[in-house]
Amino acid sequence: METSSATRQGEGVGRSLIAYAIAWARARRFDRLALDTPEGALRQVAWYFDRGFDIVETAHVPGRRYASVVLAKQLARSFNSAHAAAPASPLSLQAART
């Protein structure tokens, strides 16, 4: 899903979508939010870093001609690290529960 075209960049659409996804996941007590973007999309990866996401893995998704960088943002601290969430799968937008 493309969230922002070049003509709409800088208007806050992506920032609003991420803020909504984070609020939605926190309201449902998810521990983290994960997403993926093309590996070569350095501006997008940097944008997510600026919003607290970290790289989890690089994955090759069947049907795509490029590798995806999977990024995740911790939303809540786990009280029991033995029940921490597994690494995120490379879906477009996924929240992982512990």
N, C-alpha and C. Protein backbone atom coordinates (compact mmCIF):
# COMPACT_ATOMS: atom_id res chain seq x y z
N MET A 1 0.84 -1.18 0.00
CA MET A 1 0.00 0.00 0.00
C MET A 1 0.89 1.24 0.00
N GLU A 2 0.70 2.09 -0.95
CA GLU A 2 1.43 3.34 -1.01
C GLU A 2 0.69 4.35 -0.14
N THR A 3 1.43 4.96 0.78
CA THR A 3 0.77 5.87 1.70
C THR A 3 0.91 7.33 1.31
N SER A 4 1.84 7.64 0.43
CA SER A 4 2.06 9.04 0.13
C SER A 4 2.69 9.17 -1.25
N SER A 5 2.08 9.94 -2.13
CA SER A 5 2.67 10.17 -3.44
C SER A 5 3.63 11.35 -3.34
N ALA A 6 4.47 11.47 -4.35
CA ALA A 6 5.46 12.55 -4.35
C ALA A 6 4.81 13.92 -4.27
N THR A 7 3.62 14.08 -4.84
CA THR A 7 2.96 15.38 -4.82
C THR A 7 2.38 15.73 -3.45
N ARG A 8 2.24 14.76 -2.58
CA ARG A 8 1.65 15.00 -1.25
C ARG A 8 2.69 14.93 -0.13
N GLN A 9 3.95 14.68 -0.46
CA GLN A 9 4.98 14.55 0.57
C GLN A 9 5.11 15.85 1.35
N GLY A 10 5.34 15.70 2.66
CA GLY A 10 5.51 16.85 3.53
C GLY A 10 4.22 17.41 4.10
N GLU A 11 3.08 16.80 3.76
CA GLU A 11 1.79 17.28 4.26
C GLU A 11 1.35 16.57 5.53
N GLY A 12 2.13 15.60 6.00
CA GLY A 12 1.81 14.93 7.25
C GLY A 12 0.93 13.69 7.13
N VAL A 13 0.69 13.22 5.91
CA VAL A 13 -0.16 12.04 5.72
C VAL A 13 0.48 10.81 6.36
N GLY A 14 1.74 10.54 6.04
CA GLY A 14 2.43 9.39 6.61
C GLY A 14 2.55 9.49 8.13
N ARG A 15 2.87 10.67 8.62
CA ARG A 15 2.98 10.89 10.07
C ARG A 15 1.64 10.61 10.76
N SER A 16 0.55 11.05 10.14
CA SER A 16 -0.79 10.80 10.71
C SER A 16 -1.14 9.32 10.70
N LEU A 17 -0.80 8.62 9.61
CA LEU A 17 -1.08 7.18 9.55
C LEU A 17 -0.31 6.40 10.60
N ILE A 18 0.96 6.73 10.76
CA ILE A 18 1.78 6.03 11.77
C ILE A 18 1.26 6.36 13.17
N ALA A 19 0.93 7.60 13.43
CA ALA A 19 0.39 7.98 14.75
C ALA A 19 -0.89 7.21 15.03
N TYR A 20 -1.75 7.09 14.04
CA TYR A 20 -3.00 6.34 14.22
C TYR A 20 -2.71 4.87 14.48
N ALA A 21 -1.80 4.27 13.71
CA ALA A 21 -1.46 2.85 13.89
C ALA A 21 -0.88 2.60 15.27
N ILE A 22 -0.03 3.50 15.75
CA ILE A 22 0.55 3.36 17.08
C ILE A 22 -0.53 3.46 18.15
N ALA A 23 -1.41 4.45 18.04
CA ALA A 23 -2.50 4.61 19.01
C ALA A 23 -3.42 3.39 19.00
N TRP A 24 -3.74 2.89 17.80
CA TRP A 24 -4.60 1.72 17.67
C TRP A 24 -3.96 0.51 18.35
N ALA A 25 -2.68 0.28 18.09
CA ALA A 25 -1.98 -0.87 18.67
C ALA A 25 -1.85 -0.74 20.19
N ARG A 26 -1.54 0.46 20.68
CA ARG A 26 -1.43 0.67 22.14
C ARG A 26 -2.77 0.44 22.83
N ALA A 27 -3.85 0.91 22.21
CA ALA A 27 -5.18 0.74 22.80
C ALA A 27 -5.54 -0.74 22.94
N ARG A 28 -4.95 -1.56 22.09
CA ARG A 28 -5.20 -3.00 22.13
C ARG A 28 -4.10 -3.76 22.87
N ARG A 29 -3.22 -3.00 23.54
CA ARG A 29 -2.16 -3.54 24.38
C ARG A 29 -1.13 -4.38 23.63
N PHE A 30 -0.86 -4.02 22.37
CA PHE A 30 0.22 -4.65 21.63
C PHE A 30 1.54 -4.13 22.18
N ASP A 31 2.56 -4.97 22.15
CA ASP A 31 3.87 -4.58 22.64
C ASP A 31 4.70 -3.83 21.60
N ARG A 32 4.43 -4.09 20.33
CA ARG A 32 5.20 -3.41 19.29
C ARG A 32 4.42 -3.37 17.99
N LEU A 33 4.89 -2.49 17.13
CA LEU A 33 4.31 -2.33 15.81
C LEU A 33 5.42 -2.59 14.80
N ALA A 34 5.15 -3.38 13.78
CA ALA A 34 6.16 -3.70 12.77
C ALA A 34 5.62 -3.42 11.38
N LEU A 35 6.50 -3.09 10.46
CA LEU A 35 6.14 -2.80 9.08
C LEU A 35 7.35 -3.09 8.21
N ASP A 36 7.14 -3.04 6.91
CA ASP A 36 8.29 -3.21 6.02
C ASP A 36 8.28 -2.18 4.92
N THR A 37 9.46 -1.94 4.37
CA THR A 37 9.66 -1.01 3.26
C THR A 37 10.78 -1.56 2.40
N PRO A 38 10.85 -1.22 1.12
CA PRO A 38 11.92 -1.75 0.28
C PRO A 38 13.31 -1.43 0.85
N GLU A 39 14.21 -2.39 0.72
CA GLU A 39 15.55 -2.26 1.28
C GLU A 39 16.29 -1.01 0.78
N GLY A 40 16.13 -0.68 -0.48
CA GLY A 40 16.84 0.46 -1.03
C GLY A 40 16.20 1.81 -0.75
N ALA A 41 15.09 1.84 -0.06
CA ALA A 41 14.37 3.09 0.22
C ALA A 41 14.96 3.77 1.45
N LEU A 42 16.15 4.32 1.29
CA LEU A 42 16.88 4.87 2.43
C LEU A 42 16.16 6.04 3.09
N ARG A 43 15.47 6.87 2.32
CA ARG A 43 14.73 7.99 2.92
C ARG A 43 13.60 7.48 3.82
N GLN A 44 12.90 6.42 3.35
CA GLN A 44 11.81 5.88 4.16
C GLN A 44 12.36 5.23 5.43
N VAL A 45 13.45 4.46 5.30
CA VAL A 45 14.04 3.83 6.48
C VAL A 45 14.46 4.90 7.48
N ALA A 46 15.10 5.96 7.01
CA ALA A 46 15.51 7.06 7.90
C ALA A 46 14.29 7.72 8.54
N TRP A 47 13.21 7.87 7.78
CA TRP A 47 11.97 8.47 8.30
C TRP A 47 11.44 7.64 9.46
N TYR A 48 11.43 6.30 9.30
CA TYR A 48 10.96 5.43 10.37
C TYR A 48 11.90 5.46 11.58
N PHE A 49 13.23 5.52 11.33
CA PHE A 49 14.18 5.66 12.44
C PHE A 49 13.86 6.90 13.26
N ASP A 50 13.58 8.00 12.58
CA ASP A 50 13.26 9.26 13.27
C ASP A 50 12.01 9.15 14.14
N ARG A 51 11.19 8.14 13.89
CA ARG A 51 9.96 7.93 14.65
C ARG A 51 10.06 6.76 15.62
N GLY A 52 11.30 6.32 15.90
CA GLY A 52 11.53 5.31 16.93
C GLY A 52 11.52 3.86 16.47
N PHE A 53 11.49 3.62 15.17
CA PHE A 53 11.53 2.25 14.67
C PHE A 53 12.98 1.80 14.52
N ASP A 54 13.23 0.51 14.69
CA ASP A 54 14.54 -0.10 14.50
C ASP A 54 14.42 -1.22 13.49
N ILE A 55 15.51 -1.49 12.78
CA ILE A 55 15.52 -2.61 11.83
C ILE A 55 15.53 -3.92 12.59
N VAL A 56 14.62 -4.83 12.22
CA VAL A 56 14.52 -6.15 12.83
C VAL A 56 15.20 -7.18 11.94
N GLU A 57 14.93 -7.11 10.65
CA GLU A 57 15.51 -8.07 9.71
C GLU A 57 15.32 -7.57 8.28
N THR A 58 16.00 -8.23 7.36
CA THR A 58 15.75 -8.04 5.94
C THR A 58 15.13 -9.34 5.45
N ALA A 59 14.06 -9.24 4.70
CA ALA A 59 13.33 -10.43 4.26
C ALA A 59 13.06 -10.37 2.77
N HIS A 60 12.97 -11.53 2.17
CA HIS A 60 12.58 -11.65 0.77
C HIS A 60 11.16 -12.19 0.76
N VAL A 61 10.22 -11.36 0.37
CA VAL A 61 8.81 -11.73 0.36
C VAL A 61 8.49 -12.36 -1.00
N PRO A 62 7.88 -13.55 -1.00
CA PRO A 62 7.51 -14.18 -2.27
C PRO A 62 6.65 -13.25 -3.12
N GLY A 63 6.99 -13.16 -4.39
CA GLY A 63 6.24 -12.32 -5.30
C GLY A 63 6.80 -10.92 -5.47
N ARG A 64 7.74 -10.53 -4.61
CA ARG A 64 8.37 -9.22 -4.74
C ARG A 64 9.74 -9.39 -5.38
N ARG A 65 10.12 -8.43 -6.19
CA ARG A 65 11.43 -8.48 -6.85
C ARG A 65 12.51 -7.76 -6.06
N TYR A 66 12.22 -7.41 -4.84
CA TYR A 66 13.17 -6.68 -4.01
C TYR A 66 13.11 -7.23 -2.58
N ALA A 67 14.16 -6.97 -1.83
CA ALA A 67 14.19 -7.33 -0.42
C ALA A 67 13.48 -6.24 0.38
N SER A 68 12.87 -6.64 1.48
CA SER A 68 12.19 -5.70 2.37
C SER A 68 12.96 -5.58 3.67
N VAL A 69 13.05 -4.36 4.18
CA VAL A 69 13.59 -4.12 5.51
C VAL A 69 12.39 -4.11 6.45
N VAL A 70 12.42 -4.98 7.46
CA VAL A 70 11.36 -5.02 8.46
C VAL A 70 11.80 -4.15 9.63
N LEU A 71 10.96 -3.21 10.00
CA LEU A 71 11.24 -2.30 11.12
C LEU A 71 10.18 -2.49 12.19
N ALA A 72 10.55 -2.29 13.44
CA ALA A 72 9.60 -2.42 14.54
C ALA A 72 9.83 -1.31 15.56
N LYS A 73 8.74 -0.93 16.20
CA LYS A 73 8.79 0.08 17.27
C LYS A 73 8.21 -0.55 18.52
N GLN A 74 8.97 -0.50 19.59
CA GLN A 74 8.51 -1.01 20.88
C GLN A 74 7.45 -0.05 21.42
N LEU A 75 6.29 -0.59 21.79
CA LEU A 75 5.20 0.25 22.30
C LEU A 75 5.08 0.16 23.81
N ALA A 76 5.38 -0.99 24.36
CA ALA A 76 5.27 -1.19 25.80
C ALA A 76 6.38 -2.11 26.24
N ARG A 77 6.84 -1.93 27.42
CA ARG A 77 7.88 -2.80 27.97
C ARG A 77 7.26 -4.11 28.41
N SER A 78 7.90 -5.21 28.04
CA SER A 78 7.45 -6.52 28.52
C SER A 78 7.94 -6.70 29.95
N PHE A 79 7.07 -7.18 30.82
CA PHE A 79 7.46 -7.45 32.19
C PHE A 79 8.19 -8.77 32.29
N ASN A 80 7.97 -9.66 31.35
CA ASN A 80 8.59 -10.98 31.36
C ASN A 80 9.25 -11.19 30.01
N SER A 81 10.59 -11.08 29.95
CA SER A 81 11.29 -11.19 28.68
C SER A 81 11.14 -12.57 28.06
N ALA A 82 10.80 -13.58 28.84
CA ALA A 82 10.60 -14.92 28.29
C ALA A 82 9.38 -14.96 27.38
N HIS A 83 8.47 -13.98 27.53
CA HIS A 83 7.27 -13.94 26.71
C HIS A 83 7.33 -12.82 25.68
N ALA A 84 8.53 -12.33 25.40
CA ALA A 84 8.67 -11.25 24.42
C ALA A 84 8.25 -11.74 23.04
N ALA A 85 7.81 -10.82 22.23
CA ALA A 85 7.32 -11.16 20.89
C ALA A 85 8.45 -11.68 20.02
N ALA A 86 8.12 -12.60 19.14
CA ALA A 86 9.07 -13.13 18.16
C ALA A 86 9.34 -12.06 17.13
N PRO A 87 10.42 -12.18 16.35
CA PRO A 87 10.68 -11.19 15.29
C PRO A 87 9.48 -11.06 14.36
N ALA A 88 9.27 -9.87 13.89
CA ALA A 88 8.12 -9.58 13.05
C ALA A 88 8.22 -10.27 11.70
N SER A 89 7.09 -10.68 11.16
CA SER A 89 7.06 -11.21 9.81
C SER A 89 6.91 -10.04 8.84
N PRO A 90 7.33 -10.21 7.61
CA PRO A 90 7.35 -9.10 6.67
C PRO A 90 5.99 -8.80 6.03
N LEU A 91 5.05 -8.38 6.82
CA LEU A 91 3.76 -7.95 6.31
C LEU A 91 3.77 -6.43 6.20
N SER A 92 2.88 -5.89 5.41
CA SER A 92 2.89 -4.45 5.18
C SER A 92 2.77 -3.66 6.47
N LEU A 93 1.85 -4.03 7.32
CA LEU A 93 1.72 -3.35 8.61
C LEU A 93 1.21 -4.39 9.58
N GLN A 94 2.01 -4.70 10.60
CA GLN A 94 1.66 -5.79 11.50
C GLN A 94 2.00 -5.37 12.92
N ALA A 95 1.14 -5.67 13.84
CA ALA A 95 1.43 -5.49 15.26
C ALA A 95 1.58 -6.87 15.85
N ALA A 96 2.63 -7.05 16.66
CA ALA A 96 2.90 -8.37 17.24
C ALA A 96 2.52 -8.38 18.71
N ARG A 97 1.80 -9.38 19.13
CA ARG A 97 1.44 -9.54 20.53
C ARG A 97 2.43 -10.48 21.20
N THR A 98 2.63 -10.31 22.50
CA THR A 98 3.44 -11.27 23.25
C THR A 98 2.54 -12.29 23.87
